[in-house]
């Protein structure tokens, strides 16, 4: 069901369809069903000027990429389960977001092909409505942190980078991503796919006092390498697939810890701001108070995604420049 007040003209046929599979790292911040107005989540009192990377792409490159209309999509999880039992396809859960953004906060690798949301099968069903258009399309798959990248798993990796439980979760997630990529490619072989590596939650502001031993640093990195290296191989084997190295991306901007595990982060200059690896809803913090990426993080991430798509797939989209990104800090979100 579309929101009438948000309806707009049909998108130009030459825009590149951009679909998103993932978790809270991609779920639109202005979904007022998931994040009700007045709540402290996703920017709190500053939410009107706080952007998810998907929303930044729509705001700054909406003439090049089509993420779909912002609308109410899906139904409640239990209802979707019942409908599927009687043979009726149903997208879940219910949210307000760009139509091609299937990312849902809290979900993990099991939700790629199964679970209540079945993100990839539901995306393929949508793509099948206009297969010719999706020959030019791009799908971003950014999943894994809720499956093996939280504090409990990092604790295990710090002790042993080959911890059987975490390794099993990583390998299962890789297999699920591979299945998802192949499922898309089987039906829509020309569609490009970006698989995003795992973010290292050691760098989350709330965790900076943890894992201070040098061995912790080495072991956690080695454990997470298992996932990223598998996705790199996946991308190298398939010409329509690209790998986005999320850990290298963060390190190129904010840096990391020193050899003893002590925070040694740089600040990032962004227009008039000096952005530190700290938490708070003001835009000079890298992350929001609720722990999710802030606007500067997200627009710089979007910039790098566009660069990757141009480099790997020759899309020819104009690169994002700082001069156009900085005004987003004070621009009220407009559906």
Protein backbone atom coordinates (compact mmCIF):
# COMPACT_ATOMS: atom_id res chain seq x y z
CA UNK A 1 0.00 0.00 0.00
CA UNK A 2 1.51 3.30 -1.06
CA UNK A 3 1.24 6.40 1.05
CA UNK A 4 -0.78 8.80 -1.14
CA UNK A 5 0.96 11.88 0.23
CA UNK A 6 4.32 10.46 -0.80
CA UNK A 7 3.36 9.32 -4.29
CA UNK A 8 5.39 10.72 -7.20
CA UNK A 9 5.62 10.28 -10.93
CA UNK A 10 6.81 6.96 -12.31
CA UNK A 11 10.62 6.72 -12.25
CA UNK A 12 12.53 7.31 -15.48
CA UNK A 13 13.21 4.02 -17.19
CA UNK A 14 16.96 4.62 -17.22
CA UNK A 15 17.32 4.81 -13.43
CA UNK A 16 19.20 1.88 -11.94
CA UNK A 17 17.02 -0.22 -9.61
CA UNK A 18 18.80 -0.63 -6.27
CA UNK A 19 17.58 -3.27 -3.82
CA UNK A 20 18.88 -3.85 -0.30
CA UNK A 21 19.01 -7.02 1.78
CA UNK A 22 20.14 -6.68 5.39
CA UNK A 23 19.64 -5.67 8.98
CA UNK A 24 19.63 -2.42 10.97
CA UNK A 25 22.74 -1.25 9.14
CA UNK A 26 20.45 -0.67 6.14
CA UNK A 27 16.89 -0.38 7.54
CA UNK A 28 15.67 3.17 6.80
CA UNK A 29 15.85 5.48 9.81
CA UNK A 30 12.58 7.21 8.95
CA UNK A 31 10.42 4.12 9.28
CA UNK A 32 8.02 5.59 11.83
CA UNK A 33 6.43 2.19 12.44
CA UNK A 34 9.67 0.66 13.65
CA UNK A 35 10.95 3.89 15.20
CA UNK A 36 7.96 5.96 16.38
CA UNK A 37 8.26 9.76 16.42
CA UNK A 38 9.56 10.94 19.78
CA UNK A 39 11.52 7.77 20.49
CA UNK A 40 15.27 8.06 21.20
CA UNK A 41 16.18 5.70 18.36
CA UNK A 42 17.86 6.58 15.06
CA UNK A 43 18.79 10.11 15.94
CA UNK A 44 16.19 10.89 18.59
CA UNK A 45 15.30 14.58 18.55
CA UNK A 46 17.63 15.05 15.54
CA UNK A 47 16.07 12.29 13.45
CA UNK A 48 14.70 14.75 10.89
CA UNK A 49 18.29 15.49 9.82
CA UNK A 50 19.71 12.00 10.38
CA UNK A 51 20.09 9.71 7.35
CA UNK A 52 20.58 6.03 6.74
CA UNK A 53 22.90 5.28 3.79
CA UNK A 54 19.94 4.19 1.68
CA UNK A 55 18.20 7.48 2.39
CA UNK A 56 21.38 9.39 1.53
CA UNK A 57 21.58 7.63 -1.84
CA UNK A 58 17.93 8.44 -2.53
CA UNK A 59 18.42 12.08 -1.52
CA UNK A 60 21.67 12.68 -3.41
CA UNK A 61 21.53 10.26 -6.35
CA UNK A 62 17.81 9.63 -6.73
CA UNK A 63 18.10 10.64 -10.37
CA UNK A 64 20.51 7.74 -10.97
CA UNK A 65 19.30 5.04 -8.55
CA UNK A 66 15.75 3.91 -7.89
CA UNK A 67 15.20 2.37 -4.44
CA UNK A 68 11.45 2.31 -5.03
CA UNK A 69 8.76 4.56 -3.64
CA UNK A 70 8.61 5.05 0.10
CA UNK A 71 5.51 3.15 1.09
CA UNK A 72 4.01 0.82 3.63
CA UNK A 73 5.21 -2.64 2.68
CA UNK A 74 4.61 -6.08 4.10
CA UNK A 75 2.35 -7.52 6.71
CA UNK A 76 2.87 -8.68 10.26
CA UNK A 77 5.06 -11.75 10.67
CA UNK A 78 2.38 -14.13 11.97
CA UNK A 79 -0.04 -13.09 9.26
CA UNK A 80 2.63 -13.66 6.62
CA UNK A 81 3.28 -17.15 7.98
CA UNK A 82 -0.41 -18.04 7.79
CA UNK A 83 -0.75 -16.64 4.27
CA UNK A 84 2.25 -18.64 3.07
CA UNK A 85 0.79 -21.80 4.58
CA UNK A 86 -2.17 -21.46 2.23
CA UNK A 87 0.01 -20.66 -0.77
CA UNK A 88 -0.18 -16.86 -0.75
CA UNK A 89 3.07 -14.94 -1.07
CA UNK A 90 3.47 -12.33 1.64
CA UNK A 91 6.23 -9.87 2.40
CA UNK A 92 7.08 -9.31 6.07
CA UNK A 93 7.38 -7.49 8.36
CA UNK A 94 5.31 -4.35 7.97
CA UNK A 95 7.41 -1.20 7.66
CA UNK A 96 7.64 2.20 5.98
CA UNK A 97 10.68 2.33 3.73
CA UNK A 98 11.75 2.40 0.12
CA UNK A 99 9.98 -0.43 -1.66
CA UNK A 100 13.21 -2.15 -2.72
CA UNK A 101 14.75 -1.98 0.77
CA UNK A 102 14.09 -5.34 2.43
CA UNK A 103 16.49 -4.77 5.34
CA UNK A 104 14.98 -5.28 8.80
CA UNK A 105 16.56 -4.40 12.13
CA UNK A 106 17.63 -7.37 14.22
CA UNK A 107 17.68 -9.91 11.41
CA UNK A 108 20.46 -12.32 10.64
CA UNK A 109 21.68 -14.68 7.98
CA UNK A 110 18.82 -17.13 8.59
CA UNK A 111 16.48 -14.42 7.28
CA UNK A 112 18.13 -14.25 3.87
CA UNK A 113 16.25 -17.23 2.47
CA UNK A 114 13.97 -18.20 5.37
CA UNK A 115 12.55 -16.91 8.61
CA UNK A 116 9.49 -14.70 8.70
CA UNK A 117 10.89 -12.18 6.23
CA UNK A 118 12.51 -14.46 3.58
CA UNK A 119 14.18 -11.35 2.24
CA UNK A 120 15.74 -12.75 -0.92
CA UNK A 121 12.78 -14.85 -2.14
CA UNK A 122 10.52 -11.84 -1.61
CA UNK A 123 12.96 -9.62 -3.50
CA UNK A 124 13.09 -12.09 -6.39
CA UNK A 125 9.30 -12.12 -6.49
CA UNK A 126 9.36 -8.33 -6.80
CA UNK A 127 12.08 -8.43 -9.47
CA UNK A 128 10.02 -10.91 -11.47
CA UNK A 129 7.36 -8.23 -11.92
CA UNK A 130 9.71 -6.40 -14.31
CA UNK A 131 12.65 -8.65 -15.20
CA UNK A 132 13.78 -6.51 -18.12
CA UNK A 133 14.32 -3.52 -15.84
CA UNK A 134 16.29 -5.55 -13.30
CA UNK A 135 18.87 -6.47 -15.95
CA UNK A 136 20.31 -3.06 -15.06
CA UNK A 137 19.70 -3.52 -11.34
CA UNK A 138 21.95 -3.79 -8.30
CA UNK A 139 21.34 -5.73 -5.08
CA UNK A 140 23.33 -4.93 -1.93
CA UNK A 141 23.56 -7.75 0.64
CA UNK A 142 24.80 -6.52 4.02
CA UNK A 143 24.20 -9.17 6.66
CA UNK A 144 26.04 -11.03 9.40
CA UNK A 145 26.63 -8.86 12.45
CA UNK A 146 23.58 -10.20 14.31
CA UNK A 147 24.65 -13.75 13.51
CA UNK A 148 28.30 -13.74 14.58
CA UNK A 149 29.53 -10.19 15.14
CA UNK A 150 28.23 -9.17 18.56
CA UNK A 151 30.08 -9.02 21.88
CA UNK A 152 29.53 -12.66 22.78
CA UNK A 153 31.03 -13.90 19.53
CA UNK A 154 33.90 -11.42 19.73
CA UNK A 155 34.66 -12.70 23.24
CA UNK A 156 34.90 -16.22 21.87
CA UNK A 157 37.10 -15.16 18.95
CA UNK A 158 39.37 -13.19 21.28
CA UNK A 159 40.08 -16.45 23.11
CA UNK A 160 40.24 -18.62 20.00
CA UNK A 161 39.87 -17.42 16.39
CA UNK A 162 38.83 -20.97 15.49
CA UNK A 163 36.12 -21.20 18.13
CA UNK A 164 33.86 -24.00 16.81
CA UNK A 165 30.59 -22.24 17.59
CA UNK A 166 31.53 -18.97 15.91
CA UNK A 167 33.21 -20.70 12.96
CA UNK A 168 30.03 -22.71 12.44
CA UNK A 169 27.97 -19.51 12.46
CA UNK A 170 30.35 -17.82 10.01
CA UNK A 171 30.43 -20.75 7.61
CA UNK A 172 26.66 -21.12 7.71
CA UNK A 173 26.23 -17.41 7.01
CA UNK A 174 28.63 -17.59 4.07
CA UNK A 175 26.69 -20.54 2.67
CA UNK A 176 23.42 -18.64 3.06
CA UNK A 177 24.83 -15.58 1.30
CA UNK A 178 26.15 -17.80 -1.50
CA UNK A 179 22.70 -19.39 -1.82
CA UNK A 180 21.12 -15.94 -1.92
CA UNK A 181 23.52 -14.69 -4.61
CA UNK A 182 22.96 -17.81 -6.71
CA UNK A 183 19.18 -17.60 -6.29
CA UNK A 184 19.24 -14.05 -7.66
CA UNK A 185 21.66 -14.96 -10.43
CA UNK A 186 19.66 -17.99 -11.56
CA UNK A 187 16.58 -15.91 -12.34
CA UNK A 188 18.22 -12.54 -13.05
CA UNK A 189 21.73 -13.33 -14.29
CA UNK A 190 22.51 -9.77 -15.42
CA UNK A 191 21.69 -8.17 -12.08
CA UNK A 192 24.77 -6.99 -10.20
CA UNK A 193 25.23 -7.92 -6.53
CA UNK A 194 27.39 -6.33 -3.83
CA UNK A 195 28.26 -8.49 -0.83
CA UNK A 196 29.41 -6.45 2.16
CA UNK A 197 32.02 -7.73 4.57
CA UNK A 198 31.54 -7.81 8.32
CA UNK A 199 32.03 -4.69 10.43
CA UNK A 200 34.37 -5.17 13.39
CA UNK A 201 32.34 -4.22 16.44
CA UNK A 202 35.53 -3.68 18.45
CA UNK A 203 35.29 -0.17 17.03
CA UNK A 204 31.80 0.49 18.36
CA UNK A 205 32.01 3.34 20.89
CA UNK A 206 30.32 1.25 23.58
CA UNK A 207 32.99 -1.46 23.32
CA UNK A 208 36.18 0.60 23.36
CA UNK A 209 37.16 -0.51 26.89
CA UNK A 210 37.00 -4.19 25.91
CA UNK A 211 39.52 -6.54 24.27
CA UNK A 212 42.60 -4.56 25.26
CA UNK A 213 45.14 -7.40 25.05
CA UNK A 214 47.30 -7.59 21.91
CA UNK A 215 46.31 -11.24 21.46
CA UNK A 216 42.65 -10.19 21.47
CA UNK A 217 43.27 -7.90 18.51
CA UNK A 218 45.07 -10.56 16.50
CA UNK A 219 42.55 -13.28 17.27
CA UNK A 220 39.41 -11.27 16.54
CA UNK A 221 40.82 -10.03 13.25
CA UNK A 222 41.78 -13.57 12.25
CA UNK A 223 38.32 -14.86 13.13
CA UNK A 224 36.52 -12.18 11.10
CA UNK A 225 38.92 -12.72 8.20
CA UNK A 226 37.28 -16.09 7.67
CA UNK A 227 34.02 -14.40 6.64
CA UNK A 228 35.52 -11.62 4.54
CA UNK A 229 37.90 -13.91 2.68
CA UNK A 230 35.03 -16.24 1.82
CA UNK A 231 33.01 -13.33 0.41
CA UNK A 232 36.06 -12.13 -1.54
CA UNK A 233 36.33 -15.57 -3.13
CA UNK A 234 32.61 -15.52 -3.88
CA UNK A 235 32.98 -12.19 -5.68
CA UNK A 236 36.12 -13.24 -7.57
CA UNK A 237 34.31 -16.32 -8.92
CA UNK A 238 31.31 -14.38 -10.22
CA UNK A 239 31.70 -11.41 -12.59
CA UNK A 240 28.36 -9.93 -11.53
CA UNK A 241 29.37 -9.83 -7.85
CA UNK A 242 31.48 -7.20 -6.03
CA UNK A 243 32.88 -7.26 -2.50
CA UNK A 244 32.71 -4.20 -0.20
CA UNK A 245 35.38 -4.43 2.50
CA UNK A 246 33.64 -2.76 5.46
CA UNK A 247 36.55 -3.18 7.88
CA UNK A 248 39.06 -1.67 5.46
CA UNK A 249 36.64 1.16 4.72
CA UNK A 250 36.33 2.11 8.41
CA UNK A 251 40.07 1.85 8.95
CA UNK A 252 40.76 4.15 5.98
CA UNK A 253 38.76 6.89 7.71
CA UNK A 254 38.82 6.56 11.48
CA UNK A 255 41.71 4.13 11.83
CA UNK A 256 41.57 1.74 14.78
CA UNK A 257 43.29 0.62 17.97
CA UNK A 258 47.01 0.35 18.56
CA UNK A 259 48.85 -2.95 19.00
CA UNK A 260 47.91 -3.02 22.69
CA UNK A 261 44.22 -2.61 21.91
CA UNK A 262 44.07 0.98 23.11
CA UNK A 263 41.84 3.30 21.01
CA UNK A 264 43.98 5.29 18.59
CA UNK A 265 41.30 6.63 16.29
CA UNK A 266 41.69 9.57 13.98
CA UNK A 267 39.04 12.21 13.46
CA UNK A 268 37.43 12.78 10.08
CA UNK A 269 37.07 16.26 8.65
CA UNK A 270 33.69 16.68 6.99
CA UNK A 271 32.78 20.20 5.96
CA UNK A 272 32.77 22.30 9.13
CA UNK A 273 32.81 19.23 11.38
CA UNK A 274 35.48 17.15 13.03
CA UNK A 275 33.87 13.74 13.40
CA UNK A 276 35.20 11.42 16.10
CA UNK A 277 34.59 7.73 16.70
CA UNK A 278 32.15 8.47 19.51
CA UNK A 279 28.43 8.07 20.14
CA UNK A 280 25.76 10.76 20.19
CA UNK A 281 23.01 12.09 17.97
CA UNK A 282 24.89 15.23 16.93
CA UNK A 283 26.57 14.82 13.53
CA UNK A 284 30.11 15.23 14.90
CA UNK A 285 29.78 11.71 16.35
CA UNK A 286 30.45 8.78 14.02
CA UNK A 287 27.64 6.75 15.59
CA UNK A 288 24.27 7.68 16.99
CA UNK A 289 23.35 7.39 20.65
CA UNK A 290 21.61 4.09 19.88
CA UNK A 291 24.82 2.68 18.36
CA UNK A 292 23.91 2.87 14.68
CA UNK A 293 25.83 4.79 12.05
CA UNK A 294 25.41 8.56 12.02
CA UNK A 295 24.78 10.71 8.97
CA UNK A 296 28.46 11.40 8.21
CA UNK A 297 29.29 7.70 8.43
CA UNK A 298 26.35 6.86 6.16
CA UNK A 299 26.96 9.47 3.48
CA UNK A 300 30.65 8.54 3.29
CA UNK A 301 29.66 4.87 3.08
CA UNK A 302 27.23 5.71 0.27
CA UNK A 303 30.01 7.62 -1.49
CA UNK A 304 32.28 4.58 -1.36
CA UNK A 305 29.48 2.27 -2.54
CA UNK A 306 28.89 4.45 -5.60
CA UNK A 307 32.64 4.45 -6.28
CA UNK A 308 32.74 0.64 -6.05
CA UNK A 309 29.76 0.25 -8.39
CA UNK A 310 31.38 2.56 -10.94
CA UNK A 311 34.74 0.83 -10.67
CA UNK A 312 33.45 -2.74 -10.83
CA UNK A 313 30.40 -2.40 -13.06
CA UNK A 314 31.06 0.79 -15.06
CA UNK A 315 27.74 2.33 -14.08
CA UNK A 316 28.86 5.85 -14.88
CA UNK A 317 27.07 7.42 -11.91
CA UNK A 318 28.42 10.80 -10.83
CA UNK A 319 30.61 10.36 -7.73
CA UNK A 320 29.32 11.91 -4.52
CA UNK A 321 31.22 15.10 -3.68
CA UNK A 322 31.65 16.59 -0.21
CA UNK A 323 30.08 19.86 -1.35
CA UNK A 324 26.75 18.12 -1.95
CA UNK A 325 26.99 15.73 1.00
CA UNK A 326 27.62 18.33 3.71
CA UNK A 327 24.25 20.13 3.27
CA UNK A 328 22.53 16.85 4.18
CA UNK A 329 23.59 17.50 7.78
CA UNK A 330 20.98 20.25 8.08
CA UNK A 331 18.52 19.13 5.40
CA UNK A 332 15.28 17.83 6.86
CA UNK A 333 14.41 14.37 5.58
CA UNK A 334 11.82 14.58 2.83
CA UNK A 335 10.12 11.43 1.57
